[in-house]
Amino acid sequence: MQRYFLGFLALLLTTTGLVWLVNGTSNEFENAIASACLKVGPVLGALWLAFPQVLQIVRRFPPVLIIAIVLSSGFVIVRPKSAPFVIPVLFAILGLHYLGLLFKSTAKKP
């Protein structure tokens, strides 16, 4: 995703949510969508500001670890009572990855 698109989307969501709430909504569904736009828009704006740092983090970690972190975070958000089980497993995965980096051979392959 390009940085300018992320900024445009953040601005669009924030202004849409503001306009929708200022003009008044007729039902709870529209109110919920406007509130969601007002929450997601600034988060995307913060991501737009931190885009170079986010790219550095993504380049340092392998995709498998990023997927594990995102899936475990989503699982804990959906089922908060699973946190005592999911978080230690995630830390074990991260620790094993770190140990693998420590013990990786530094010799160049022919």
Protein backbone atom coordinates (compact mmCIF):
# COMPACT_ATOMS: atom_id res chain seq x y z
CA MET A 1 0.00 0.00 0.00
CA GLN A 2 1.41 3.36 -0.98
CA ARG A 3 1.86 6.03 1.65
CA TYR A 4 -0.19 8.67 -0.16
CA PHE A 5 -3.11 6.24 -0.49
CA LEU A 6 -2.96 5.53 3.24
CA GLY A 7 -3.06 9.26 4.03
CA PHE A 8 -5.91 9.84 1.61
CA LEU A 9 -7.90 6.98 3.12
CA ALA A 10 -7.29 8.32 6.65
CA LEU A 11 -8.47 11.77 5.65
CA LEU A 12 -11.49 10.39 3.79
CA LEU A 13 -12.62 8.21 6.71
CA THR A 14 -12.15 10.95 9.28
CA THR A 15 -14.03 13.58 7.29
CA THR A 16 -16.79 11.13 6.37
CA GLY A 17 -17.32 10.21 10.01
CA LEU A 18 -17.34 13.86 11.07
CA VAL A 19 -19.78 14.92 8.36
CA TRP A 20 -22.06 11.98 9.10
CA LEU A 21 -22.19 12.76 12.82
CA VAL A 22 -22.60 16.53 12.34
CA ASN A 23 -25.50 16.10 9.91
CA GLY A 24 -27.13 13.61 12.24
CA THR A 25 -27.79 9.96 11.74
CA SER A 26 -31.22 8.42 11.53
CA ASN A 27 -30.53 5.04 13.10
CA GLU A 28 -28.02 3.15 15.22
CA PHE A 29 -26.39 1.44 12.25
CA GLU A 30 -25.39 4.74 10.63
CA ASN A 31 -24.19 6.01 14.00
CA ALA A 32 -22.03 2.90 14.42
CA ILE A 33 -20.51 3.32 10.95
CA ALA A 34 -19.76 7.00 11.60
CA SER A 35 -18.14 6.12 14.92
CA ALA A 36 -16.07 3.39 13.26
CA CYS A 37 -14.91 5.86 10.61
CA LEU A 38 -13.89 8.29 13.35
CA LYS A 39 -11.87 5.57 15.08
CA VAL A 40 -10.21 3.97 12.05
CA GLY A 41 -9.38 7.25 10.29
CA PRO A 42 -7.01 8.65 12.95
CA VAL A 43 -5.36 5.24 13.39
CA LEU A 44 -4.63 5.16 9.66
CA GLY A 45 -3.38 8.74 9.96
CA ALA A 46 -0.94 7.67 12.67
CA LEU A 47 0.15 4.79 10.46
CA TRP A 48 0.67 7.26 7.62
CA LEU A 49 2.93 9.33 9.85
CA ALA A 50 4.92 6.29 10.99
CA PHE A 51 5.06 4.62 7.56
CA PRO A 52 8.89 4.56 7.19
CA GLN A 53 9.32 3.07 10.67
CA VAL A 54 6.63 0.46 9.99
CA LEU A 55 8.44 -0.56 6.80
CA GLN A 56 11.69 -1.01 8.75
CA ILE A 57 9.95 -3.28 11.26
CA VAL A 58 8.31 -5.30 8.51
CA ARG A 59 11.65 -5.76 6.73
CA ARG A 60 13.39 -6.99 9.92
CA PHE A 61 10.87 -9.66 10.85
CA PRO A 62 10.08 -12.64 8.65
CA PRO A 63 6.51 -12.83 7.38
CA VAL A 64 5.77 -15.92 9.49
CA LEU A 65 6.42 -14.00 12.71
CA ILE A 66 4.31 -11.05 11.61
CA ILE A 67 1.44 -13.41 10.76
CA ALA A 68 1.81 -15.16 14.14
CA ILE A 69 1.71 -11.84 15.99
CA VAL A 70 -1.33 -10.59 14.06
CA LEU A 71 -3.25 -13.87 14.43
CA SER A 72 -2.53 -14.20 18.14
CA SER A 73 -3.46 -10.55 18.74
CA GLY A 74 -6.71 -11.04 16.86
CA PHE A 75 -7.45 -14.23 18.78
CA VAL A 76 -6.90 -12.48 22.11
CA ILE A 77 -9.11 -9.57 21.02
CA VAL A 78 -11.94 -11.92 20.02
CA ARG A 79 -11.56 -14.23 23.05
CA PRO A 80 -9.89 -12.33 25.90
CA LYS A 81 -9.98 -15.32 28.26
CA SER A 82 -7.54 -17.13 25.96
CA ALA A 83 -4.76 -14.61 26.69
CA PRO A 84 -3.05 -16.72 29.40
CA PHE A 85 -2.61 -19.49 26.82
CA VAL A 86 -1.94 -17.53 23.63
CA ILE A 87 0.60 -15.01 24.95
CA PRO A 88 3.08 -17.61 26.33
CA VAL A 89 2.88 -19.55 23.07
CA LEU A 90 3.62 -16.36 21.14
CA PHE A 91 6.58 -15.58 23.38
CA ALA A 92 7.83 -19.15 22.90
CA ILE A 93 7.65 -18.73 19.12
CA LEU A 94 9.49 -15.41 19.31
CA GLY A 95 12.12 -16.89 21.66
CA LEU A 96 12.71 -19.88 19.40
CA HIS A 97 13.11 -17.56 16.44
CA TYR A 98 15.64 -15.48 18.38
CA LEU A 99 17.57 -18.60 19.42
CA GLY A 100 17.57 -19.72 15.81
CA LEU A 101 19.16 -16.41 14.83
CA LEU A 102 21.78 -16.77 17.57
CA PHE A 103 22.83 -20.26 16.54
CA LYS A 104 22.63 -19.75 12.78
CA SER A 105 25.85 -20.52 10.98
CA THR A 106 27.76 -17.49 9.82
CA ALA A 107 29.81 -19.45 7.29
CA LYS A 108 29.07 -18.56 3.70
CA LYS A 109 27.55 -21.26 1.56
CA PRO A 110 29.41 -22.18 -1.64
